[in-house]
Amino acid sequence: MAFTTQFTTPEPSRAEVDAWRGLSVIEFGTGWCGHCQRAQPLIEGALSPHEPLRHVKVEDGKGRPLGRSFGVKLWPTLVFLQDGREVERLVRPQTGSEIAEALARAIAA
């Protein structure tokens, strides 16, 4: 699953995320966020070629434990994980190349 359009319900726990193996990207945001909506085609374009990649969309907001555990403050925030450990972070990406470069750094980590 390289790119998903749906928010994961229920959101995974931090313990589940920490136990993930391989490369993963958690996208924190909301469906009504203009920044999130604008970033969707950029995220899809950058992630789609990487089929073994796990992409999880988490609807974030006040009181949401996973976003708080990652210290998310702005949307969208992309957290790149390698074996459950954060290796890269991108907040409010503006270009597809910015996402692709962050992904390349995460793959190299």
C-alpha atoms as a PDB file:
ATOM      1  CA  MET A   1       0.000   0.000   0.000  1.00  0.00           C
ATOM      2  CA  ALA A   2       1.904   3.053  -1.195  1.00  0.00           C
ATOM      3  CA  PHE A   3      -0.796   5.725  -0.896  1.00  0.00           C
ATOM      4  CA  THR A   4      -4.151   5.769   0.823  1.00  0.00           C
ATOM      5  CA  THR A   5      -6.932   8.326   0.557  1.00  0.00           C
ATOM      6  CA  GLN A   6      -8.860   7.275   3.667  1.00  0.00           C
ATOM      7  CA  PHE A   7      -8.176   8.123   7.293  1.00  0.00           C
ATOM      8  CA  THR A   8      -7.399   5.053   9.387  1.00  0.00           C
ATOM      9  CA  THR A   9     -10.131   4.287  11.905  1.00  0.00           C
ATOM     10  CA  PRO A  10      -9.421   3.667  14.657  1.00  0.00           C
ATOM     11  CA  GLU A  11      -6.010   5.294  14.684  1.00  0.00           C
ATOM     12  CA  PRO A  12      -3.186   2.933  15.654  1.00  0.00           C
ATOM     13  CA  SER A  13      -1.724   3.184  19.127  1.00  0.00           C
ATOM     14  CA  ARG A  14       1.802   4.454  19.651  1.00  0.00           C
ATOM     15  CA  ALA A  15       2.825   0.944  20.742  1.00  0.00           C
ATOM     16  CA  GLU A  16       1.523  -0.474  17.433  1.00  0.00           C
ATOM     17  CA  VAL A  17       3.381   2.178  15.440  1.00  0.00           C
ATOM     18  CA  ASP A  18       6.599   1.568  17.361  1.00  0.00           C
ATOM     19  CA  ALA A  19       6.333  -2.145  16.473  1.00  0.00           C
ATOM     20  CA  TRP A  20       5.919  -1.577  12.702  1.00  0.00           C
ATOM     21  CA  ARG A  21       8.680  -3.037  10.538  1.00  0.00           C
ATOM     22  CA  GLY A  22       9.987  -1.522   7.341  1.00  0.00           C
ATOM     23  CA  LEU A  23       9.396   1.933   5.938  1.00  0.00           C
ATOM     24  CA  SER A  24       6.192   3.741   6.923  1.00  0.00           C
ATOM     25  CA  VAL A  25       4.758   7.227   6.567  1.00  0.00           C
ATOM     26  CA  ILE A  26       2.143   8.597   8.923  1.00  0.00           C
ATOM     27  CA  GLU A  27       0.254  11.573   7.524  1.00  0.00           C
ATOM     28  CA  PHE A  28      -1.401  13.674  10.221  1.00  0.00           C
ATOM     29  CA  GLY A  29      -4.149  16.068   9.120  1.00  0.00           C
ATOM     30  CA  THR A  30      -7.893  16.477   8.663  1.00  0.00           C
ATOM     31  CA  GLY A  31     -10.324  16.290   5.771  1.00  0.00           C
ATOM     32  CA  TRP A  32     -11.350  19.945   6.116  1.00  0.00           C
ATOM     33  CA  CYS A  33      -7.800  21.384   6.282  1.00  0.00           C
ATOM     34  CA  GLY A  34      -7.008  23.407   3.151  1.00  0.00           C
ATOM     35  CA  HIS A  35      -3.267  22.734   3.469  1.00  0.00           C
ATOM     36  CA  CYS A  36      -4.005  19.001   3.706  1.00  0.00           C
ATOM     37  CA  GLN A  37      -6.287  19.042   0.666  1.00  0.00           C
ATOM     38  CA  ARG A  38      -3.739  20.932  -1.427  1.00  0.00           C
ATOM     39  CA  ALA A  39      -0.971  18.504  -0.435  1.00  0.00           C
ATOM     40  CA  GLN A  40      -2.864  15.311  -1.401  1.00  0.00           C
ATOM     41  CA  PRO A  41      -1.778  15.142  -5.062  1.00  0.00           C
ATOM     42  CA  LEU A  42       1.803  15.986  -4.028  1.00  0.00           C
ATOM     43  CA  ILE A  43       1.842  13.214  -1.422  1.00  0.00           C
ATOM     44  CA  GLU A  44       0.249  10.724  -3.809  1.00  0.00           C
ATOM     45  CA  GLY A  45       2.748  11.528  -6.551  1.00  0.00           C
ATOM     46  CA  ALA A  46       5.726  11.086  -4.238  1.00  0.00           C
ATOM     47  CA  LEU A  47       4.554   7.940  -2.416  1.00  0.00           C
ATOM     48  CA  SER A  48       2.797   5.958  -5.162  1.00  0.00           C
ATOM     49  CA  PRO A  49       5.975   4.642  -6.841  1.00  0.00           C
ATOM     50  CA  HIS A  50       7.077   3.053  -3.556  1.00  0.00           C
ATOM     51  CA  GLU A  51       4.742   0.049  -3.323  1.00  0.00           C
ATOM     52  CA  PRO A  52       6.100  -1.679  -0.192  1.00  0.00           C
ATOM     53  CA  LEU A  53       5.731   1.588   1.712  1.00  0.00           C
ATOM     54  CA  ARG A  54       3.063   1.748   4.425  1.00  0.00           C
ATOM     55  CA  HIS A  55       1.114   5.047   4.286  1.00  0.00           C
ATOM     56  CA  VAL A  56      -1.287   5.685   7.148  1.00  0.00           C
ATOM     57  CA  LYS A  57      -3.508   8.767   7.286  1.00  0.00           C
ATOM     58  CA  VAL A  58      -4.438   9.783  10.813  1.00  0.00           C
ATOM     59  CA  GLU A  59      -7.125  12.366  11.456  1.00  0.00           C
ATOM     60  CA  ASP A  60      -5.533  14.626  14.024  1.00  0.00           C
ATOM     61  CA  GLY A  61      -6.923  17.132  16.484  1.00  0.00           C
ATOM     62  CA  LYS A  62      -7.207  18.092  20.111  1.00  0.00           C
ATOM     63  CA  GLY A  63      -7.049  15.084  22.387  1.00  0.00           C
ATOM     64  CA  ARG A  64      -5.865  12.674  19.688  1.00  0.00           C
ATOM     65  CA  PRO A  65      -3.153  10.615  21.392  1.00  0.00           C
ATOM     66  CA  LEU A  66      -1.042   9.553  18.402  1.00  0.00           C
ATOM     67  CA  GLY A  67      -0.579  13.088  17.091  1.00  0.00           C
ATOM     68  CA  ARG A  68       0.250  14.333  20.576  1.00  0.00           C
ATOM     69  CA  SER A  69       2.816  11.553  21.048  1.00  0.00           C
ATOM     70  CA  PHE A  70       4.582  12.767  17.885  1.00  0.00           C
ATOM     71  CA  GLY A  71       4.305  16.443  18.861  1.00  0.00           C
ATOM     72  CA  VAL A  72       2.243  17.360  15.778  1.00  0.00           C
ATOM     73  CA  LYS A  73       1.266  21.044  15.727  1.00  0.00           C
ATOM     74  CA  LEU A  74       0.557  21.850  12.049  1.00  0.00           C
ATOM     75  CA  TRP A  75      -1.134  19.914   9.242  1.00  0.00           C
ATOM     76  CA  PRO A  76      -0.289  18.096   7.200  1.00  0.00           C
ATOM     77  CA  THR A  77       2.678  16.611   9.005  1.00  0.00           C
ATOM     78  CA  LEU A  78       4.373  13.601   7.438  1.00  0.00           C
ATOM     79  CA  VAL A  79       6.360  11.426   9.828  1.00  0.00           C
ATOM     80  CA  PHE A  80       8.673   8.949   8.093  1.00  0.00           C
ATOM     81  CA  LEU A  81       9.469   5.840  10.130  1.00  0.00           C
ATOM     82  CA  GLN A  82      11.970   3.041   9.657  1.00  0.00           C
ATOM     83  CA  ASP A  83      11.126   0.024  11.831  1.00  0.00           C
ATOM     84  CA  GLY A  84       8.882   2.180  14.038  1.00  0.00           C
ATOM     85  CA  ARG A  85      11.540   4.834  14.640  1.00  0.00           C
ATOM     86  CA  GLU A  86      11.168   8.373  13.281  1.00  0.00           C
ATOM     87  CA  VAL A  87      13.885   9.124  10.736  1.00  0.00           C
ATOM     88  CA  GLU A  88      12.437  12.149   8.918  1.00  0.00           C
ATOM     89  CA  ARG A  89       9.627  14.691   9.297  1.00  0.00           C
ATOM     90  CA  LEU A  90       8.024  17.111   6.884  1.00  0.00           C
ATOM     91  CA  VAL A  91       5.534  19.792   7.909  1.00  0.00           C
ATOM     92  CA  ARG A  92       3.244  21.445   5.338  1.00  0.00           C
ATOM     93  CA  PRO A  93       5.070  20.277   2.217  1.00  0.00           C
ATOM     94  CA  GLN A  94       4.861  22.703  -0.681  1.00  0.00           C
ATOM     95  CA  THR A  95       6.168  20.563  -3.551  1.00  0.00           C
ATOM     96  CA  GLY A  96       6.217  16.948  -4.603  1.00  0.00           C
ATOM     97  CA  SER A  97      10.001  17.069  -4.869  1.00  0.00           C
ATOM     98  CA  GLU A  98      10.221  18.130  -1.226  1.00  0.00           C
ATOM     99  CA  ILE A  99       8.270  14.994  -0.262  1.00  0.00           C
ATOM    100  CA  ALA A 100      10.292  12.779  -2.590  1.00  0.00           C
ATOM    101  CA  GLU A 101      13.555  14.101  -1.111  1.00  0.00           C
ATOM    102  CA  ALA A 102      12.339  13.459   2.457  1.00  0.00           C
ATOM    103  CA  LEU A 103      11.292   9.952   1.402  1.00  0.00           C
ATOM    104  CA  ALA A 104      14.715   9.318  -0.170  1.00  0.00           C
ATOM    105  CA  ARG A 105      16.413  10.382   3.076  1.00  0.00           C
ATOM    106  CA  ALA A 106      14.107   8.072   5.045  1.00  0.00           C
ATOM    107  CA  ILE A 107      14.875   5.164   2.724  1.00  0.00           C
ATOM    108  CA  ALA A 108      18.609   5.799   3.162  1.00  0.00           C
ATOM    109  CA  ALA A 109      18.304   5.920   6.966  1.00  0.00           C
END
